[in-house]
């Protein structure tokens, strides 16, 4: 009953200037990420309401590729999550765990080693940034549901199953902000959009102005 996220939210995508310009001017040309280490499975990624984090990530990405940091950019988007596998909701964390157990059983029967989350070489905090296991489990969930969905459609002409439009997760990373803290420096909410129709439009983020100063200047003019 409450699974569909109908409200609009703002997300920010870290990228380079050329790609940001293309997304704004050609918003239908969306390329989904299909990396094996994607944290929330394959899709188009955003930082929820966090432009600064998106820009820092884009700068880090430029440095890793030995490209000019000045070419890093952020594009904003208005998003509706639709039917969302929201990992802040215990129903969905239990659902993903259930698919992990199914996948683990399938791998054991096939005598195959399970994927594993791994540390990135340049991550001093050892946050297992290469989420190969998590990506594989979430993709296994999607593919299993999709297979059953299309089988039902073929046999009945319809399906009672619902396909996920998006995945949402909260992550802690980056080390503690002070000794004894329970707060991490790079904690964030990440969005993975599977259905491009969830993205209602892209925009170039504005630079914040000093509203109080503008009122004072206007009064003194």
C-alpha atoms as a PDB file:
ATOM      1  CA  UNK A   1       0.000   0.000   0.000  1.00  0.00           C
ATOM      2  CA  UNK A   2       2.824   2.400   0.883  1.00  0.00           C
ATOM      3  CA  UNK A   3       5.529   0.978  -1.393  1.00  0.00           C
ATOM      4  CA  UNK A   4       5.256   3.587  -4.162  1.00  0.00           C
ATOM      5  CA  UNK A   5       7.235   6.772  -3.476  1.00  0.00           C
ATOM      6  CA  UNK A   6       5.062   9.378  -5.194  1.00  0.00           C
ATOM      7  CA  UNK A   7       6.699  12.596  -3.968  1.00  0.00           C
ATOM      8  CA  UNK A   8       9.284  14.475  -6.021  1.00  0.00           C
ATOM      9  CA  UNK A   9      12.847  14.674  -4.721  1.00  0.00           C
ATOM     10  CA  UNK A  10      16.058  16.337  -5.865  1.00  0.00           C
ATOM     11  CA  UNK A  11      19.116  14.319  -6.787  1.00  0.00           C
ATOM     12  CA  UNK A  12      22.604  15.299  -7.945  1.00  0.00           C
ATOM     13  CA  UNK A  13      24.767  13.336 -10.373  1.00  0.00           C
ATOM     14  CA  UNK A  14      28.536  13.788 -10.324  1.00  0.00           C
ATOM     15  CA  UNK A  15      30.121  13.723 -13.762  1.00  0.00           C
ATOM     16  CA  UNK A  16      32.222  15.861 -16.139  1.00  0.00           C
ATOM     17  CA  UNK A  17      31.211  19.107 -17.862  1.00  0.00           C
ATOM     18  CA  UNK A  18      30.661  17.534 -21.276  1.00  0.00           C
ATOM     19  CA  UNK A  19      28.353  14.829 -19.933  1.00  0.00           C
ATOM     20  CA  UNK A  20      26.466  17.318 -17.755  1.00  0.00           C
ATOM     21  CA  UNK A  21      25.798  19.512 -20.777  1.00  0.00           C
ATOM     22  CA  UNK A  22      24.558  16.526 -22.812  1.00  0.00           C
ATOM     23  CA  UNK A  23      22.181  15.431 -20.041  1.00  0.00           C
ATOM     24  CA  UNK A  24      20.656  18.911 -19.818  1.00  0.00           C
ATOM     25  CA  UNK A  25      20.367  19.418 -23.588  1.00  0.00           C
ATOM     26  CA  UNK A  26      19.567  15.806 -24.546  1.00  0.00           C
ATOM     27  CA  UNK A  27      17.746  14.457 -21.460  1.00  0.00           C
ATOM     28  CA  UNK A  28      16.462  11.330 -23.206  1.00  0.00           C
ATOM     29  CA  UNK A  29      20.003  10.029 -23.807  1.00  0.00           C
ATOM     30  CA  UNK A  30      20.510   8.448 -20.407  1.00  0.00           C
ATOM     31  CA  UNK A  31      23.212   5.812 -20.019  1.00  0.00           C
ATOM     32  CA  UNK A  32      22.704   3.464 -17.076  1.00  0.00           C
ATOM     33  CA  UNK A  33      25.740   2.269 -15.131  1.00  0.00           C
ATOM     34  CA  UNK A  34      26.359  -1.470 -15.392  1.00  0.00           C
ATOM     35  CA  UNK A  35      29.546  -1.819 -13.376  1.00  0.00           C
ATOM     36  CA  UNK A  36      29.895  -5.062 -11.363  1.00  0.00           C
ATOM     37  CA  UNK A  37      30.607  -3.037  -8.192  1.00  0.00           C
ATOM     38  CA  UNK A  38      27.617  -0.647  -8.369  1.00  0.00           C
ATOM     39  CA  UNK A  39      26.397  -0.288  -4.797  1.00  0.00           C
ATOM     40  CA  UNK A  40      22.670  -0.581  -5.523  1.00  0.00           C
ATOM     41  CA  UNK A  41      22.763  -2.569  -8.733  1.00  0.00           C
ATOM     42  CA  UNK A  42      22.686  -1.252 -12.283  1.00  0.00           C
ATOM     43  CA  UNK A  43      21.054   2.086 -13.038  1.00  0.00           C
ATOM     44  CA  UNK A  44      21.567   5.854 -13.126  1.00  0.00           C
ATOM     45  CA  UNK A  45      23.012   7.158  -9.858  1.00  0.00           C
ATOM     46  CA  UNK A  46      22.265  10.251  -7.796  1.00  0.00           C
ATOM     47  CA  UNK A  47      23.193  11.633  -4.405  1.00  0.00           C
ATOM     48  CA  UNK A  48      19.913  12.579  -2.732  1.00  0.00           C
ATOM     49  CA  UNK A  49      19.841  16.333  -1.888  1.00  0.00           C
ATOM     50  CA  UNK A  50      23.642  16.456  -1.735  1.00  0.00           C
ATOM     51  CA  UNK A  51      25.253  18.599  -4.420  1.00  0.00           C
ATOM     52  CA  UNK A  52      28.523  19.005  -2.502  1.00  0.00           C
ATOM     53  CA  UNK A  53      28.999  15.242  -2.159  1.00  0.00           C
ATOM     54  CA  UNK A  54      28.285  14.766  -5.862  1.00  0.00           C
ATOM     55  CA  UNK A  55      30.906  17.366  -6.765  1.00  0.00           C
ATOM     56  CA  UNK A  56      33.515  15.859  -4.423  1.00  0.00           C
ATOM     57  CA  UNK A  57      32.893  12.445  -5.986  1.00  0.00           C
ATOM     58  CA  UNK A  58      33.239  13.922  -9.485  1.00  0.00           C
ATOM     59  CA  UNK A  59      36.547  15.544  -8.533  1.00  0.00           C
ATOM     60  CA  UNK A  60      37.839  12.293  -7.057  1.00  0.00           C
ATOM     61  CA  UNK A  61      36.832  10.502 -10.252  1.00  0.00           C
ATOM     62  CA  UNK A  62      38.770  13.015 -12.379  1.00  0.00           C
ATOM     63  CA  UNK A  63      41.867  12.543 -10.215  1.00  0.00           C
ATOM     64  CA  UNK A  64      41.645   8.739 -10.441  1.00  0.00           C
ATOM     65  CA  UNK A  65      41.559   9.036 -14.227  1.00  0.00           C
ATOM     66  CA  UNK A  66      44.426  11.580 -14.280  1.00  0.00           C
ATOM     67  CA  UNK A  67      42.073  14.162 -15.807  1.00  0.00           C
ATOM     68  CA  UNK A  68      41.737  17.860 -14.894  1.00  0.00           C
ATOM     69  CA  UNK A  69      39.819  18.296 -11.639  1.00  0.00           C
ATOM     70  CA  UNK A  70      38.425  21.545 -13.048  1.00  0.00           C
ATOM     71  CA  UNK A  71      36.380  19.502 -15.538  1.00  0.00           C
ATOM     72  CA  UNK A  72      34.317  17.917 -12.755  1.00  0.00           C
ATOM     73  CA  UNK A  73      30.656  18.897 -12.815  1.00  0.00           C
ATOM     74  CA  UNK A  74      27.289  18.227 -11.216  1.00  0.00           C
ATOM     75  CA  UNK A  75      23.888  17.981 -12.864  1.00  0.00           C
ATOM     76  CA  UNK A  76      20.707  18.138 -10.808  1.00  0.00           C
ATOM     77  CA  UNK A  77      17.514  16.206 -11.455  1.00  0.00           C
ATOM     78  CA  UNK A  78      13.904  16.149 -10.351  1.00  0.00           C
ATOM     79  CA  UNK A  79      13.070  12.530  -9.540  1.00  0.00           C
ATOM     80  CA  UNK A  80      10.047  10.446  -8.618  1.00  0.00           C
ATOM     81  CA  UNK A  81      11.185   7.098  -7.215  1.00  0.00           C
ATOM     82  CA  UNK A  82       8.035   5.167  -8.145  1.00  0.00           C
ATOM     83  CA  UNK A  83       8.074   1.582  -6.886  1.00  0.00           C
ATOM     84  CA  UNK A  84      11.278   1.770  -4.884  1.00  0.00           C
ATOM     85  CA  UNK A  85      13.336  -0.911  -3.170  1.00  0.00           C
ATOM     86  CA  UNK A  86      14.030   1.429  -0.267  1.00  0.00           C
ATOM     87  CA  UNK A  87      16.694  -0.073   1.965  1.00  0.00           C
ATOM     88  CA  UNK A  88      15.709   2.248   4.826  1.00  0.00           C
ATOM     89  CA  UNK A  89      12.510   0.130   4.990  1.00  0.00           C
ATOM     90  CA  UNK A  90      12.862  -3.204   6.806  1.00  0.00           C
ATOM     91  CA  UNK A  91      10.478  -4.914   4.363  1.00  0.00           C
ATOM     92  CA  UNK A  92      12.936  -4.368   1.556  1.00  0.00           C
ATOM     93  CA  UNK A  93      16.098  -5.203   3.504  1.00  0.00           C
ATOM     94  CA  UNK A  94      14.471  -8.532   4.387  1.00  0.00           C
ATOM     95  CA  UNK A  95      13.479  -9.005   0.753  1.00  0.00           C
ATOM     96  CA  UNK A  96      17.070  -8.465  -0.422  1.00  0.00           C
ATOM     97  CA  UNK A  97      18.336 -10.813   2.295  1.00  0.00           C
ATOM     98  CA  UNK A  98      15.920 -13.474   1.058  1.00  0.00           C
ATOM     99  CA  UNK A  99      17.278 -13.179  -2.474  1.00  0.00           C
ATOM    100  CA  UNK A 100      20.827 -13.356  -1.109  1.00  0.00           C
ATOM    101  CA  UNK A 101      19.993 -16.719   0.468  1.00  0.00           C
ATOM    102  CA  UNK A 102      18.468 -17.960  -2.807  1.00  0.00           C
ATOM    103  CA  UNK A 103      21.521 -16.787  -4.749  1.00  0.00           C
ATOM    104  CA  UNK A 104      23.897 -18.369  -2.206  1.00  0.00           C
ATOM    105  CA  UNK A 105      22.081 -21.682  -2.552  1.00  0.00           C
ATOM    106  CA  UNK A 106      22.252 -21.479  -6.358  1.00  0.00           C
ATOM    107  CA  UNK A 107      26.002 -20.757  -6.247  1.00  0.00           C
ATOM    108  CA  UNK A 108      26.618 -23.652  -3.845  1.00  0.00           C
ATOM    109  CA  UNK A 109      24.691 -26.069  -6.069  1.00  0.00           C
ATOM    110  CA  UNK A 110      26.734 -24.882  -9.054  1.00  0.00           C
ATOM    111  CA  UNK A 111      29.941 -25.162  -6.986  1.00  0.00           C
ATOM    112  CA  UNK A 112      30.777 -21.514  -7.736  1.00  0.00           C
ATOM    113  CA  UNK A 113      32.413 -19.038  -5.314  1.00  0.00           C
ATOM    114  CA  UNK A 114      30.170 -16.194  -4.198  1.00  0.00           C
ATOM    115  CA  UNK A 115      31.138 -12.634  -5.186  1.00  0.00           C
ATOM    116  CA  UNK A 116      32.572 -10.496  -2.384  1.00  0.00           C
ATOM    117  CA  UNK A 117      32.671  -6.825  -1.500  1.00  0.00           C
ATOM    118  CA  UNK A 118      36.242  -5.530  -1.643  1.00  0.00           C
ATOM    119  CA  UNK A 119      38.305  -2.579  -0.496  1.00  0.00           C
ATOM    120  CA  UNK A 120      39.475  -0.012  -3.010  1.00  0.00           C
ATOM    121  CA  UNK A 121      43.252   0.359  -3.083  1.00  0.00           C
ATOM    122  CA  UNK A 122      43.108   4.115  -2.470  1.00  0.00           C
ATOM    123  CA  UNK A 123      40.544   3.979   0.369  1.00  0.00           C
ATOM    124  CA  UNK A 124      42.314   4.527   3.665  1.00  0.00           C
ATOM    125  CA  UNK A 125      39.138   3.807   5.663  1.00  0.00           C
ATOM    126  CA  UNK A 126      38.584   0.316   4.240  1.00  0.00           C
ATOM    127  CA  UNK A 127      34.878   0.864   3.570  1.00  0.00           C
ATOM    128  CA  UNK A 128      34.660  -1.925   0.960  1.00  0.00           C
ATOM    129  CA  UNK A 129      33.832   0.526  -1.790  1.00  0.00           C
ATOM    130  CA  UNK A 130      33.816  -2.186  -4.456  1.00  0.00           C
ATOM    131  CA  UNK A 131      30.370  -3.618  -3.683  1.00  0.00           C
ATOM    132  CA  UNK A 132      30.545  -6.635  -5.989  1.00  0.00           C
ATOM    133  CA  UNK A 133      28.467  -8.877  -3.707  1.00  0.00           C
ATOM    134  CA  UNK A 134      25.750  -6.299  -3.055  1.00  0.00           C
ATOM    135  CA  UNK A 135      25.477  -5.497  -6.757  1.00  0.00           C
ATOM    136  CA  UNK A 136      25.228  -9.177  -7.671  1.00  0.00           C
ATOM    137  CA  UNK A 137      22.518  -9.835  -5.060  1.00  0.00           C
ATOM    138  CA  UNK A 138      20.411  -6.854  -6.134  1.00  0.00           C
ATOM    139  CA  UNK A 139      20.779  -7.762  -9.809  1.00  0.00           C
ATOM    140  CA  UNK A 140      19.841 -11.363  -8.974  1.00  0.00           C
ATOM    141  CA  UNK A 141      16.712 -10.053  -7.269  1.00  0.00           C
ATOM    142  CA  UNK A 142      15.748  -7.905 -10.257  1.00  0.00           C
ATOM    143  CA  UNK A 143      16.372 -10.657 -12.814  1.00  0.00           C
ATOM    144  CA  UNK A 144      14.441 -13.245 -10.781  1.00  0.00           C
ATOM    145  CA  UNK A 145      11.429 -10.963 -10.375  1.00  0.00           C
ATOM    146  CA  UNK A 146      11.547  -9.927 -14.034  1.00  0.00           C
ATOM    147  CA  UNK A 147      11.681 -13.546 -15.216  1.00  0.00           C
ATOM    148  CA  UNK A 148       8.613 -14.433 -13.130  1.00  0.00           C
ATOM    149  CA  UNK A 149       6.853 -11.249 -14.274  1.00  0.00           C
ATOM    150  CA  UNK A 150       7.255 -12.008 -17.974  1.00  0.00           C
ATOM    151  CA  UNK A 151       6.334 -15.670 -17.490  1.00  0.00           C
ATOM    152  CA  UNK A 152       3.076 -14.610 -15.825  1.00  0.00           C
ATOM    153  CA  UNK A 153       2.378 -12.094 -18.591  1.00  0.00           C
ATOM    154  CA  UNK A 154       2.942 -14.779 -21.207  1.00  0.00           C
ATOM    155  CA  UNK A 155       0.640 -17.313 -19.518  1.00  0.00           C
ATOM    156  CA  UNK A 156      -2.073 -15.013 -18.121  1.00  0.00           C
ATOM    157  CA  UNK A 157      -1.752 -11.814 -20.113  1.00  0.00           C
ATOM    158  CA  UNK A 158      -0.909  -9.897 -16.933  1.00  0.00           C
ATOM    159  CA  UNK A 159       1.220 -10.190 -13.785  1.00  0.00           C
ATOM    160  CA  UNK A 160       0.539  -9.436 -10.147  1.00  0.00           C
ATOM    161  CA  UNK A 161       4.262  -8.818  -9.645  1.00  0.00           C
ATOM    162  CA  UNK A 162       5.749  -5.329  -9.661  1.00  0.00           C
ATOM    163  CA  UNK A 163       9.124  -4.388 -11.140  1.00  0.00           C
ATOM    164  CA  UNK A 164      11.307  -1.991  -9.184  1.00  0.00           C
ATOM    165  CA  UNK A 165      11.717   1.472 -10.702  1.00  0.00           C
ATOM    166  CA  UNK A 166      14.504   2.455  -8.315  1.00  0.00           C
ATOM    167  CA  UNK A 167      16.650   1.430  -5.356  1.00  0.00           C
ATOM    168  CA  UNK A 168      17.496   3.723  -2.432  1.00  0.00           C
ATOM    169  CA  UNK A 169      20.062   3.202   0.310  1.00  0.00           C
ATOM    170  CA  UNK A 170      21.762   5.010   3.187  1.00  0.00           C
ATOM    171  CA  UNK A 171      25.504   4.502   3.511  1.00  0.00           C
ATOM    172  CA  UNK A 172      28.115   5.400   6.124  1.00  0.00           C
ATOM    173  CA  UNK A 173      31.692   5.817   4.965  1.00  0.00           C
ATOM    174  CA  UNK A 174      34.720   8.040   5.173  1.00  0.00           C
ATOM    175  CA  UNK A 175      35.829   7.564   8.768  1.00  0.00           C
ATOM    176  CA  UNK A 176      34.536   9.067  12.017  1.00  0.00           C
ATOM    177  CA  UNK A 177      34.327  12.865  12.162  1.00  0.00           C
ATOM    178  CA  UNK A 178      35.926  12.869  15.652  1.00  0.00           C
ATOM    179  CA  UNK A 179      37.158  10.336  18.233  1.00  0.00           C
ATOM    180  CA  UNK A 180      34.316   8.371  19.765  1.00  0.00           C
ATOM    181  CA  UNK A 181      31.780   9.619  17.227  1.00  0.00           C
ATOM    182  CA  UNK A 182      28.994   7.604  15.639  1.00  0.00           C
ATOM    183  CA  UNK A 183      28.906   9.972  12.656  1.00  0.00           C
ATOM    184  CA  UNK A 184      30.888   9.373   9.484  1.00  0.00           C
ATOM    185  CA  UNK A 185      32.360  12.010   7.218  1.00  0.00           C
ATOM    186  CA  UNK A 186      30.876  10.758   3.947  1.00  0.00           C
ATOM    187  CA  UNK A 187      27.486   9.428   5.051  1.00  0.00           C
ATOM    188  CA  UNK A 188      24.909   9.888   2.313  1.00  0.00           C
ATOM    189  CA  UNK A 189      21.716   8.679   0.665  1.00  0.00           C
ATOM    190  CA  UNK A 190      22.246   7.141  -2.750  1.00  0.00           C
ATOM    191  CA  UNK A 191      19.626   6.641  -5.446  1.00  0.00           C
ATOM    192  CA  UNK A 192      19.813   4.126  -8.274  1.00  0.00           C
ATOM    193  CA  UNK A 193      17.242   4.793 -10.969  1.00  0.00           C
ATOM    194  CA  UNK A 194      16.356   1.738 -13.082  1.00  0.00           C
ATOM    195  CA  UNK A 195      13.375   3.195 -14.920  1.00  0.00           C
ATOM    196  CA  UNK A 196      14.456   6.360 -16.796  1.00  0.00           C
ATOM    197  CA  UNK A 197      10.854   7.636 -16.617  1.00  0.00           C
ATOM    198  CA  UNK A 198      11.499   8.340 -12.933  1.00  0.00           C
ATOM    199  CA  UNK A 199      13.793  11.196 -13.997  1.00  0.00           C
ATOM    200  CA  UNK A 200      11.440  14.080 -14.758  1.00  0.00           C
ATOM    201  CA  UNK A 201      14.149  16.458 -15.919  1.00  0.00           C
ATOM    202  CA  UNK A 202      17.752  17.608 -15.487  1.00  0.00           C
ATOM    203  CA  UNK A 203      18.912  21.073 -14.491  1.00  0.00           C
ATOM    204  CA  UNK A 204      22.086  23.065 -14.005  1.00  0.00           C
ATOM    205  CA  UNK A 205      22.333  23.779 -10.247  1.00  0.00           C
ATOM    206  CA  UNK A 206      22.224  27.464  -9.335  1.00  0.00           C
ATOM    207  CA  UNK A 207      24.787  29.167  -7.145  1.00  0.00           C
ATOM    208  CA  UNK A 208      23.248  30.295  -3.863  1.00  0.00           C
ATOM    209  CA  UNK A 209      22.905  34.058  -3.442  1.00  0.00           C
ATOM    210  CA  UNK A 210      22.903  36.105  -0.235  1.00  0.00           C
ATOM    211  CA  UNK A 211      19.173  36.863   0.004  1.00  0.00           C
ATOM    212  CA  UNK A 212      19.490  39.148   3.045  1.00  0.00           C
ATOM    213  CA  UNK A 213      22.225  41.191   1.382  1.00  0.00           C
ATOM    214  CA  UNK A 214      20.126  41.564  -1.771  1.00  0.00           C
ATOM    215  CA  UNK A 215      17.241  42.922   0.318  1.00  0.00           C
ATOM    216  CA  UNK A 216      19.557  45.388   2.075  1.00  0.00           C
ATOM    217  CA  UNK A 217      21.061  46.509  -1.223  1.00  0.00           C
ATOM    218  CA  UNK A 218      17.593  47.012  -2.661  1.00  0.00           C
ATOM    219  CA  UNK A 219      16.513  49.070   0.362  1.00  0.00           C
ATOM    220  CA  UNK A 220      19.589  51.291   0.096  1.00  0.00           C
ATOM    221  CA  UNK A 221      19.243  51.808  -3.672  1.00  0.00           C
END
